PDB file of N, CA and C in Angstrom:
ATOM      1  N   UNK A   1     109.016 113.916 111.323  1.00  0.00           N
ATOM      2  CA  UNK A   1     108.485 114.873 112.258  1.00  0.00           C
ATOM      3  C   UNK A   1     106.972 114.693 112.252  1.00  0.00           C
ATOM      4  N   UNK A   2     106.358 114.689 113.416  1.00  0.00           N
ATOM      5  CA  UNK A   2     104.925 114.472 113.450  1.00  0.00           C
ATOM      6  C   UNK A   2     104.246 115.189 114.588  1.00  0.00           C
ATOM      7  N   UNK A   3     102.932 115.251 114.482  1.00  0.00           N
ATOM      8  CA  UNK A   3     102.096 115.866 115.511  1.00  0.00           C
ATOM      9  C   UNK A   3     100.886 114.976 115.725  1.00  0.00           C
ATOM     10  N   UNK A   4     100.604 114.647 116.980  1.00  0.00           N
ATOM     11  CA  UNK A   4      99.429 113.855 117.327  1.00  0.00           C
ATOM     12  C   UNK A   4      98.559 114.654 118.274  1.00  0.00           C
ATOM     13  N   UNK A   5      97.259 114.660 118.010  1.00  0.00           N
ATOM     14  CA  UNK A   5      96.305 115.323 118.890  1.00  0.00           C
ATOM     15  C   UNK A   5      95.090 114.421 119.014  1.00  0.00           C
ATOM     16  N   UNK A   6      94.882 113.891 120.221  1.00  0.00           N
ATOM     17  CA  UNK A   6      93.847 112.892 120.452  1.00  0.00           C
ATOM     18  C   UNK A   6      94.038 111.769 119.433  1.00  0.00           C
ATOM     19  N   UNK A   7      93.116 111.557 118.544  1.00  0.00           N
ATOM     20  CA  UNK A   7      93.241 110.469 117.571  1.00  0.00           C
ATOM     21  C   UNK A   7      93.687 110.943 116.192  1.00  0.00           C
ATOM     22  N   UNK A   8      93.867 112.239 116.011  1.00  0.00           N
ATOM     23  CA  UNK A   8      94.319 112.776 114.730  1.00  0.00           C
ATOM     24  C   UNK A   8      95.848 112.837 114.706  1.00  0.00           C
ATOM     25  N   UNK A   9      96.424 112.671 113.527  1.00  0.00           N
ATOM     26  CA  UNK A   9      97.880 112.791 113.422  1.00  0.00           C
ATOM     27  C   UNK A   9      98.263 113.409 112.085  1.00  0.00           C
ATOM     28  N   UNK A  10      99.427 114.035 112.089  1.00  0.00           N
ATOM     29  CA  UNK A  10      99.999 114.662 110.906  1.00  0.00           C
ATOM     30  C   UNK A  10     101.505 114.398 110.947  1.00  0.00           C
ATOM     31  N   UNK A  11     102.037 113.772 109.905  1.00  0.00           N
ATOM     32  CA  UNK A  11     103.460 113.421 109.858  1.00  0.00           C
ATOM     33  C   UNK A  11     104.089 113.970 108.582  1.00  0.00           C
ATOM     34  N   UNK A  12     105.324 114.418 108.704  1.00  0.00           N
ATOM     35  CA  UNK A  12     106.083 114.929 107.565  1.00  0.00           C
ATOM     36  C   UNK A  12     107.371 114.123 107.446  1.00  0.00           C
ATOM     37  N   UNK A  13     107.696 113.692 106.221  1.00  0.00           N
ATOM     38  CA  UNK A  13     108.919 112.948 105.960  1.00  0.00           C
ATOM     39  C   UNK A  13     109.666 113.619 104.819  1.00  0.00           C
ATOM     40  N   UNK A  14     110.963 113.802 104.994  1.00  0.00           N
ATOM     41  CA  UNK A  14     111.819 114.359 103.951  1.00  0.00           C
ATOM     42  C   UNK A  14     112.686 113.225 103.409  1.00  0.00           C
ATOM     43  N   UNK A  15     112.677 113.033 102.093  1.00  0.00           N
ATOM     44  CA  UNK A  15     113.478 111.995 101.454  1.00  0.00           C
ATOM     45  C   UNK A  15     114.703 112.639 100.817  1.00  0.00           C
ATOM     46  N   UNK A  16     115.870 112.123 101.160  1.00  0.00           N
ATOM     47  CA  UNK A  16     117.122 112.585 100.555  1.00  0.00           C
ATOM     48  C   UNK A  16     117.512 111.594  99.472  1.00  0.00           C
ATOM     49  N   UNK A  17     117.875 112.090  98.313  1.00  0.00           N
ATOM     50  CA  UNK A  17     118.319 111.265  97.193  1.00  0.00           C
ATOM     51  C   UNK A  17     117.267 110.230  96.757  1.00  0.00           C
ATOM     52  N   UNK A  18     116.042 110.645  96.453  1.00  0.00           N
ATOM     53  CA  UNK A  18     115.032 109.672  96.014  1.00  0.00           C
ATOM     54  C   UNK A  18     115.374 109.092  94.647  1.00  0.00           C
ATOM     55  N   UNK A  19     114.941 107.856  94.418  1.00  0.00           N
ATOM     56  CA  UNK A  19     115.137 107.200  93.126  1.00  0.00           C
ATOM     57  C   UNK A  19     113.834 106.564  92.673  1.00  0.00           C
ATOM     58  N   UNK A  20     113.622 106.548  91.372  1.00  0.00           N
ATOM     59  CA  UNK A  20     112.460 105.912  90.754  1.00  0.00           C
ATOM     60  C   UNK A  20     112.978 104.991  89.667  1.00  0.00           C
ATOM     61  N   UNK A  21     112.694 103.696  89.800  1.00  0.00           N
ATOM     62  CA  UNK A  21     113.126 102.728  88.796  1.00  0.00           C
ATOM     63  C   UNK A  21     111.913 102.305  87.987  1.00  0.00           C
ATOM     64  N   UNK A  22     112.047 102.330  86.665  1.00  0.00           N
ATOM     65  CA  UNK A  22     110.949 101.948  85.789  1.00  0.00           C
ATOM     66  C   UNK A  22     111.397 100.820  84.874  1.00  0.00           C
ATOM     67  N   UNK A  23     110.429  99.984  84.508  1.00  0.00           N
ATOM     68  CA  UNK A  23     110.685  98.895  83.572  1.00  0.00           C
ATOM     69  C   UNK A  23     109.599  98.941  82.512  1.00  0.00           C
ATOM     70  N   UNK A  24     110.008  98.730  81.284  1.00  0.00           N
ATOM     71  CA  UNK A  24     109.063  98.660  80.176  1.00  0.00           C
ATOM     72  C   UNK A  24     109.491  97.521  79.265  1.00  0.00           C
ATOM     73  N   UNK A  25     108.548  96.811  78.664  1.00  0.00           N
ATOM     74  CA  UNK A  25     108.921  95.713  77.763  1.00  0.00           C
ATOM     75  C   UNK A  25     109.797  96.220  76.610  1.00  0.00           C
ATOM     76  N   UNK A  26     110.809  95.479  76.300  1.00  0.00           N
ATOM     77  CA  UNK A  26     111.739  95.727  75.183  1.00  0.00           C
ATOM     78  C   UNK A  26     112.496  97.050  75.270  1.00  0.00           C
ATOM     79  N   UNK A  27     112.530  97.661  76.469  1.00  0.00           N
ATOM     80  CA  UNK A  27     113.292  98.898  76.680  1.00  0.00           C
ATOM     81  C   UNK A  27     114.174  98.682  77.908  1.00  0.00           C
ATOM     82  N   UNK A  28     115.367  99.243  77.902  1.00  0.00           N
ATOM     83  CA  UNK A  28     116.253  99.121  79.062  1.00  0.00           C
ATOM     84  C   UNK A  28     115.603  99.737  80.298  1.00  0.00           C
ATOM     85  N   UNK A  29     115.951  99.192  81.461  1.00  0.00           N
ATOM     86  CA  UNK A  29     115.479  99.769  82.720  1.00  0.00           C
ATOM     87  C   UNK A  29     115.963 101.207  82.824  1.00  0.00           C
ATOM     88  N   UNK A  30     115.117 102.061  83.369  1.00  0.00           N
ATOM     89  CA  UNK A  30     115.464 103.473  83.540  1.00  0.00           C
ATOM     90  C   UNK A  30     115.372 103.824  85.017  1.00  0.00           C
ATOM     91  N   UNK A  31     116.366 104.538  85.514  1.00  0.00           N
ATOM     92  CA  UNK A  31     116.377 105.003  86.897  1.00  0.00           C
ATOM     93  C   UNK A  31     116.470 106.519  86.899  1.00  0.00           C
ATOM     94  N   UNK A  32     115.520 107.161  87.577  1.00  0.00           N
ATOM     95  CA  UNK A  32     115.547 108.612  87.766  1.00  0.00           C
ATOM     96  C   UNK A  32     116.059 108.879  89.175  1.00  0.00           C
ATOM     97  N   UNK A  33     116.904 109.893  89.339  1.00  0.00           N
ATOM     98  CA  UNK A  33     117.422 110.237  90.666  1.00  0.00           C
ATOM     99  C   UNK A  33     117.323 111.742  90.882  1.00  0.00           C
ATOM    100  N   UNK A  34     117.196 112.104  92.152  1.00  0.00           N
ATOM    101  CA  UNK A  34     117.042 113.510  92.480  1.00  0.00           C
ATOM    102  C   UNK A  34     117.696 113.859  93.795  1.00  0.00           C
ATOM    103  N   UNK A  35     117.426 115.077  94.256  1.00  0.00           N
ATOM    104  CA  UNK A  35     118.018 115.560  95.504  1.00  0.00           C
ATOM    105  C   UNK A  35     117.061 115.424  96.684  1.00  0.00           C
ATOM    106  N   UNK A  36     115.798 115.793  96.480  1.00  0.00           N
ATOM    107  CA  UNK A  36     114.844 115.829  97.583  1.00  0.00           C
ATOM    108  C   UNK A  36     113.468 115.338  97.159  1.00  0.00           C
ATOM    109  N   UNK A  37     112.714 114.914  98.152  1.00  0.00           N
ATOM    110  CA  UNK A  37     111.315 114.579  97.994  1.00  0.00           C
ATOM    111  C   UNK A  37     110.682 114.691  99.366  1.00  0.00           C
ATOM    112  N   UNK A  38     109.361 114.749  99.424  1.00  0.00           N
ATOM    113  CA  UNK A  38     108.726 114.809 100.735  1.00  0.00           C
ATOM    114  C   UNK A  38     107.404 114.061 100.723  1.00  0.00           C
ATOM    115  N   UNK A  39     106.937 113.755 101.912  1.00  0.00           N
ATOM    116  CA  UNK A  39     105.656 113.089 102.108  1.00  0.00           C
ATOM    117  C   UNK A  39     104.951 113.748 103.284  1.00  0.00           C
ATOM    118  N   UNK A  40     103.675 113.998 103.140  1.00  0.00           N
ATOM    119  CA  UNK A  40     102.839 114.541 104.203  1.00  0.00           C
ATOM    120  C   UNK A  40     101.681 113.576 104.403  1.00  0.00           C
ATOM    121  N   UNK A  41     101.519 113.095 105.632  1.00  0.00           N
ATOM    122  CA  UNK A  41     100.484 112.107 105.945  1.00  0.00           C
ATOM    123  C   UNK A  41      99.568 112.670 107.014  1.00  0.00           C
ATOM    124  N   UNK A  42      98.267 112.635 106.756  1.00  0.00           N
ATOM    125  CA  UNK A  42      97.260 113.044 107.735  1.00  0.00           C
ATOM    126  C   UNK A  42      96.313 111.879 107.938  1.00  0.00           C
ATOM    127  N   UNK A  43      95.863 111.696 109.172  1.00  0.00           N
ATOM    128  CA  UNK A  43      94.976 110.567 109.407  1.00  0.00           C
ATOM    129  C   UNK A  43      94.277 110.626 110.746  1.00  0.00           C
ATOM    130  N   UNK A  44      93.469 109.602 110.958  1.00  0.00           N
ATOM    131  CA  UNK A  44      92.695 109.472 112.192  1.00  0.00           C
ATOM    132  C   UNK A  44      92.752 108.014 112.628  1.00  0.00           C
ATOM    133  N   UNK A  45      93.006 107.775 113.909  1.00  0.00           N
ATOM    134  CA  UNK A  45      93.022 106.429 114.468  1.00  0.00           C
ATOM    135  C   UNK A  45      91.854 106.244 115.429  1.00  0.00           C
ATOM    136  N   UNK A  46      91.203 105.100 115.330  1.00  0.00           N
ATOM    137  CA  UNK A  46      90.107 104.745 116.224  1.00  0.00           C
ATOM    138  C   UNK A  46      90.618 103.666 117.170  1.00  0.00           C
ATOM    139  N   UNK A  47      90.474 103.898 118.473  1.00  0.00           N
ATOM    140  CA  UNK A  47      90.990 102.973 119.470  1.00  0.00           C
ATOM    141  C   UNK A  47      90.065 101.753 119.583  1.00  0.00           C
ATOM    142  N   UNK A  48      90.582 100.581 119.218  1.00  0.00           N
ATOM    143  CA  UNK A  48      89.829  99.334 119.302  1.00  0.00           C
ATOM    144  C   UNK A  48      89.977  98.736 120.694  1.00  0.00           C
ATOM    145  N   UNK A  49      91.198  98.685 121.189  1.00  0.00           N
ATOM    146  CA  UNK A  49      91.497  98.257 122.557  1.00  0.00           C
ATOM    147  C   UNK A  49      92.535  99.227 123.114  1.00  0.00           C
ATOM    148  N   UNK A  50      92.951  99.000 124.342  1.00  0.00           N
ATOM    149  CA  UNK A  50      93.947  99.897 124.941  1.00  0.00           C
ATOM    150  C   UNK A  50      95.326  99.733 124.293  1.00  0.00           C
ATOM    151  N   UNK A  51      95.526  98.681 123.518  1.00  0.00           N
ATOM    152  CA  UNK A  51      96.821  98.465 122.882  1.00  0.00           C
ATOM    153  C   UNK A  51      96.752  98.395 121.348  1.00  0.00           C
ATOM    154  N   UNK A  52      95.580  98.677 120.751  1.00  0.00           N
ATOM    155  CA  UNK A  52      95.456  98.575 119.294  1.00  0.00           C
ATOM    156  C   UNK A  52      94.518  99.641 118.749  1.00  0.00           C
ATOM    157  N   UNK A  53      94.916 100.248 117.618  1.00  0.00           N
ATOM    158  CA  UNK A  53      94.049 101.199 116.917  1.00  0.00           C
ATOM    159  C   UNK A  53      93.939 100.816 115.447  1.00  0.00           C
ATOM    160  N   UNK A  54      92.834 101.188 114.842  1.00  0.00           N
ATOM    161  CA  UNK A  54      92.625 101.084 113.402  1.00  0.00           C
ATOM    162  C   UNK A  54      92.450 102.492 112.879  1.00  0.00           C
ATOM    163  N   UNK A  55      92.946 102.769 111.702  1.00  0.00           N
ATOM    164  CA  UNK A  55      92.839 104.142 111.226  1.00  0.00           C
ATOM    165  C   UNK A  55      92.827 104.274 109.724  1.00  0.00           C
ATOM    166  N   UNK A  56      92.474 105.466 109.301  1.00  0.00           N
ATOM    167  CA  UNK A  56      92.524 105.875 107.905  1.00  0.00           C
ATOM    168  C   UNK A  56      93.554 106.970 107.786  1.00  0.00           C
ATOM    169  N   UNK A  57      94.287 106.973 106.682  1.00  0.00           N
ATOM    170  CA  UNK A  57      95.251 108.045 106.465  1.00  0.00           C
ATOM    171  C   UNK A  57      95.354 108.346 104.978  1.00  0.00           C
ATOM    172  N   UNK A  58      95.731 109.577 104.687  1.00  0.00           N
ATOM    173  CA  UNK A  58      95.926 110.023 103.318  1.00  0.00           C
ATOM    174  C   UNK A  58      97.340 110.584 103.219  1.00  0.00           C
ATOM    175  N   UNK A  59      98.104 110.063 102.271  1.00  0.00           N
ATOM    176  CA  UNK A  59      99.495 110.496 102.089  1.00  0.00           C
ATOM    177  C   UNK A  59      99.619 111.263 100.780  1.00  0.00           C
ATOM    178  N   UNK A  60     100.350 112.369 100.833  1.00  0.00           N
ATOM    179  CA  UNK A  60     100.709 113.116  99.621  1.00  0.00           C
ATOM    180  C   UNK A  60     102.211 113.040  99.487  1.00  0.00           C
ATOM    181  N   UNK A  61     102.674 112.582  98.324  1.00  0.00           N
ATOM    182  CA  UNK A  61     104.113 112.472  98.067  1.00  0.00           C
ATOM    183  C   UNK A  61     104.476 113.291  96.842  1.00  0.00           C
ATOM    184  N   UNK A  62     105.626 113.955  96.913  1.00  0.00           N
ATOM    185  CA  UNK A  62     106.116 114.734  95.768  1.00  0.00           C
ATOM    186  C   UNK A  62     107.629 114.552  95.667  1.00  0.00           C
ATOM    187  N   UNK A  63     108.085 114.277  94.447  1.00  0.00           N
ATOM    188  CA  UNK A  63     109.508 114.067  94.197  1.00  0.00           C
ATOM    189  C   UNK A  63     109.922 114.845  92.959  1.00  0.00           C
ATOM    190  N   UNK A  64     111.183 115.260  92.959  1.00  0.00           N
ATOM    191  CA  UNK A  64     111.763 115.968  91.822  1.00  0.00           C
ATOM    192  C   UNK A  64     113.040 115.239  91.425  1.00  0.00           C
ATOM    193  N   UNK A  65     113.109 114.839  90.160  1.00  0.00           N
ATOM    194  CA  UNK A  65     114.261 114.094  89.664  1.00  0.00           C
ATOM    195  C   UNK A  65     115.039 114.943  88.671  1.00  0.00           C
ATOM    196  N   UNK A  66     116.376 114.887  88.767  1.00  0.00           N
ATOM    197  CA  UNK A  66     117.228 115.724  87.921  1.00  0.00           C
ATOM    198  C   UNK A  66     118.111 114.921  86.972  1.00  0.00           C
ATOM    199  N   UNK A  67     118.253 113.609  87.232  1.00  0.00           N
ATOM    200  CA  UNK A  67     119.115 112.776  86.398  1.00  0.00           C
ATOM    201  C   UNK A  67     118.372 111.516  85.978  1.00  0.00           C
ATOM    202  N   UNK A  68     118.797 110.961  84.824  1.00  0.00           N
ATOM    203  CA  UNK A  68     118.205 109.744  84.303  1.00  0.00           C
ATOM    204  C   UNK A  68     119.322 108.805  83.869  1.00  0.00           C
ATOM    205  N   UNK A  69     119.178 107.524  84.221  1.00  0.00           N
ATOM    206  CA  UNK A  69     120.171 106.534  83.831  1.00  0.00           C
ATOM    207  C   UNK A  69     119.467 105.421  83.058  1.00  0.00           C
ATOM    208  N   UNK A  70     119.856 105.229  81.804  1.00  0.00           N
ATOM    209  CA  UNK A  70     119.291 104.191  80.945  1.00  0.00           C
ATOM    210  C   UNK A  70     120.423 103.432  80.278  1.00  0.00           C
ATOM    211  N   UNK A  71     120.379 102.111  80.387  1.00  0.00           N
ATOM    212  CA  UNK A  71     121.404 101.300  79.741  1.00  0.00           C
ATOM    213  C   UNK A  71     122.814 101.619  80.182  1.00  0.00           C
ATOM    214  N   UNK A  72     123.007 102.011  81.445  1.00  0.00           N
ATOM    215  CA  UNK A  72     124.331 102.315  81.965  1.00  0.00           C
ATOM    216  C   UNK A  72     124.822 103.726  81.705  1.00  0.00           C
ATOM    217  N   UNK A  73     124.037 104.528  80.977  1.00  0.00           N
ATOM    218  CA  UNK A  73     124.435 105.912  80.671  1.00  0.00           C
ATOM    219  C   UNK A  73     123.591 106.872  81.491  1.00  0.00           C
ATOM    220  N   UNK A  74     124.255 107.721  82.297  1.00  0.00           N
ATOM    221  CA  UNK A  74     123.539 108.702  83.115  1.00  0.00           C
ATOM    222  C   UNK A  74     123.595 110.066  82.445  1.00  0.00           C
ATOM    223  N   UNK A  75     122.452 110.728  82.371  1.00  0.00           N
ATOM    224  CA  UNK A  75     122.382 112.066  81.776  1.00  0.00           C
ATOM    225  C   UNK A  75     121.599 112.987  82.692  1.00  0.00           C
ATOM    226  N   UNK A  76     121.948 114.255  82.676  1.00  0.00           N
ATOM    227  CA  UNK A  76     121.175 115.266  83.401  1.00  0.00           C
ATOM    228  C   UNK A  76     119.975 115.648  82.545  1.00  0.00           C
ATOM    229  N   UNK A  77     118.838 115.816  83.184  1.00  0.00           N
ATOM    230  CA  UNK A  77     117.627 116.185  82.461  1.00  0.00           C
ATOM    231  C   UNK A  77     117.594 117.688  82.243  1.00  0.00           C
ATOM    232  N   UNK A  78     117.242 118.125  81.048  1.00  0.00           N
ATOM    233  CA  UNK A  78     117.168 119.567  80.779  1.00  0.00           C
ATOM    234  C   UNK A  78     115.991 120.186  81.535  1.00  0.00           C
ATOM    235  N   UNK A  79     114.907 119.431  81.681  1.00  0.00           N
ATOM    236  CA  UNK A  79     113.773 119.857  82.511  1.00  0.00           C
ATOM    237  C   UNK A  79     113.598 118.818  83.603  1.00  0.00           C
ATOM    238  N   UNK A  80     113.384 119.271  84.819  1.00  0.00           N
ATOM    239  CA  UNK A  80     113.228 118.354  85.941  1.00  0.00           C
ATOM    240  C   UNK A  80     111.969 117.506  85.745  1.00  0.00           C
ATOM    241  N   UNK A  81     112.056 116.254  86.155  1.00  0.00           N
ATOM    242  CA  UNK A  81     110.929 115.325  86.080  1.00  0.00           C
ATOM    243  C   UNK A  81     110.293 115.283  87.463  1.00  0.00           C
ATOM    244  N   UNK A  82     109.048 115.720  87.570  1.00  0.00           N
ATOM    245  CA  UNK A  82     108.339 115.786  88.849  1.00  0.00           C
ATOM    246  C   UNK A  82     107.234 114.740  88.896  1.00  0.00           C
ATOM    247  N   UNK A  83     107.087 114.107  90.049  1.00  0.00           N
ATOM    248  CA  UNK A  83     105.969 113.208  90.272  1.00  0.00           C
ATOM    249  C   UNK A  83     105.313 113.576  91.590  1.00  0.00           C
ATOM    250  N   UNK A  84     104.023 113.372  91.674  1.00  0.00           N
ATOM    251  CA  UNK A  84     103.300 113.572  92.926  1.00  0.00           C
ATOM    252  C   UNK A  84     102.078 112.676  92.912  1.00  0.00           C
ATOM    253  N   UNK A  85     101.617 112.297  94.101  1.00  0.00           N
ATOM    254  CA  UNK A  85     100.474 111.396  94.195  1.00  0.00           C
ATOM    255  C   UNK A  85      99.817 111.499  95.560  1.00  0.00           C
ATOM    256  N   UNK A  86      98.512 111.287  95.583  1.00  0.00           N
ATOM    257  CA  UNK A  86      97.752 111.106  96.816  1.00  0.00           C
ATOM    258  C   UNK A  86      97.459 109.619  96.949  1.00  0.00           C
ATOM    259  N   UNK A  87      97.745 109.042  98.106  1.00  0.00           N
ATOM    260  CA  UNK A  87      97.500 107.621  98.340  1.00  0.00           C
ATOM    261  C   UNK A  87      96.746 107.433  99.651  1.00  0.00           C
ATOM    262  N   UNK A  88      95.579 106.768  99.619  1.00  0.00           N
ATOM    263  CA  UNK A  88      94.854 106.461 100.858  1.00  0.00           C
ATOM    264  C   UNK A  88      95.371 105.144 101.450  1.00  0.00           C
ATOM    265  N   UNK A  89      95.361 105.038 102.771  1.00  0.00           N
ATOM    266  CA  UNK A  89      95.810 103.832 103.457  1.00  0.00           C
ATOM    267  C   UNK A  89      94.892 103.505 104.618  1.00  0.00           C
ATOM    268  N   UNK A  90      94.825 102.241 104.949  1.00  0.00           N
ATOM    269  CA  UNK A  90      94.257 101.772 106.215  1.00  0.00           C
ATOM    270  C   UNK A  90      95.448 101.392 107.080  1.00  0.00           C
ATOM    271  N   UNK A  91      95.383 101.684 108.372  1.00  0.00           N
ATOM    272  CA  UNK A  91      96.510 101.305 109.217  1.00  0.00           C
ATOM    273  C   UNK A  91      96.039 100.599 110.473  1.00  0.00           C
ATOM    274  N   UNK A  92      96.911  99.773 111.000  1.00  0.00           N
ATOM    275  CA  UNK A  92      96.721  99.085 112.272  1.00  0.00           C
ATOM    276  C   UNK A  92      97.933  99.431 113.123  1.00  0.00           C
ATOM    277  N   UNK A  93      97.704  99.925 114.327  1.00  0.00           N
ATOM    278  CA  UNK A  93      98.801 100.307 115.222  1.00  0.00           C
ATOM    279  C   UNK A  93      98.691  99.509 116.508  1.00  0.00           C
ATOM    280  N   UNK A  94      99.810  98.930 116.945  1.00  0.00           N
ATOM    281  CA  UNK A  94      99.869  98.215 118.214  1.00  0.00           C
ATOM    282  C   UNK A  94     100.760  98.990 119.169  1.00  0.00           C
ATOM    283  N   UNK A  95     100.324  99.128 120.406  1.00  0.00           N
ATOM    284  CA  UNK A  95     101.102  99.808 121.438  1.00  0.00           C
ATOM    285  C   UNK A  95     101.639  98.767 122.407  1.00  0.00           C
ATOM    286  N   UNK A  96     102.947  98.799 122.626  1.00  0.00           N
ATOM    287  CA  UNK A  96     103.592  97.897 123.575  1.00  0.00           C
ATOM    288  C   UNK A  96     103.958  98.724 124.789  1.00  0.00           C
ATOM    289  N   UNK A  97     103.279  98.464 125.870  1.00  0.00           N
ATOM    290  CA  UNK A  97     103.484  99.281 127.081  1.00  0.00           C
ATOM    291  C   UNK A  97     104.121  98.484 128.169  1.00  0.00           C
TER     292      UNK A  97
END
């Protein structure tokens, strides 16, 4: 779902069943799984030509994980494992008209 106004934009994404896979030396791979996660992206695009824009955007992502699988064994976590992050991006958009 998104909103665009002139060159500004705001987008929302809902993630169903997010997963996080981790690897560490000499430890089995671990996969965290959850029910929901979301991302909110805000940004600005500068029109370079009538068919191309360059822009800056900032994304905020948050996920909640309820299960962990290590070495083939899945367990429910007694406390939910939450992650969140802000990530800046540069974007290039092409319009095909």
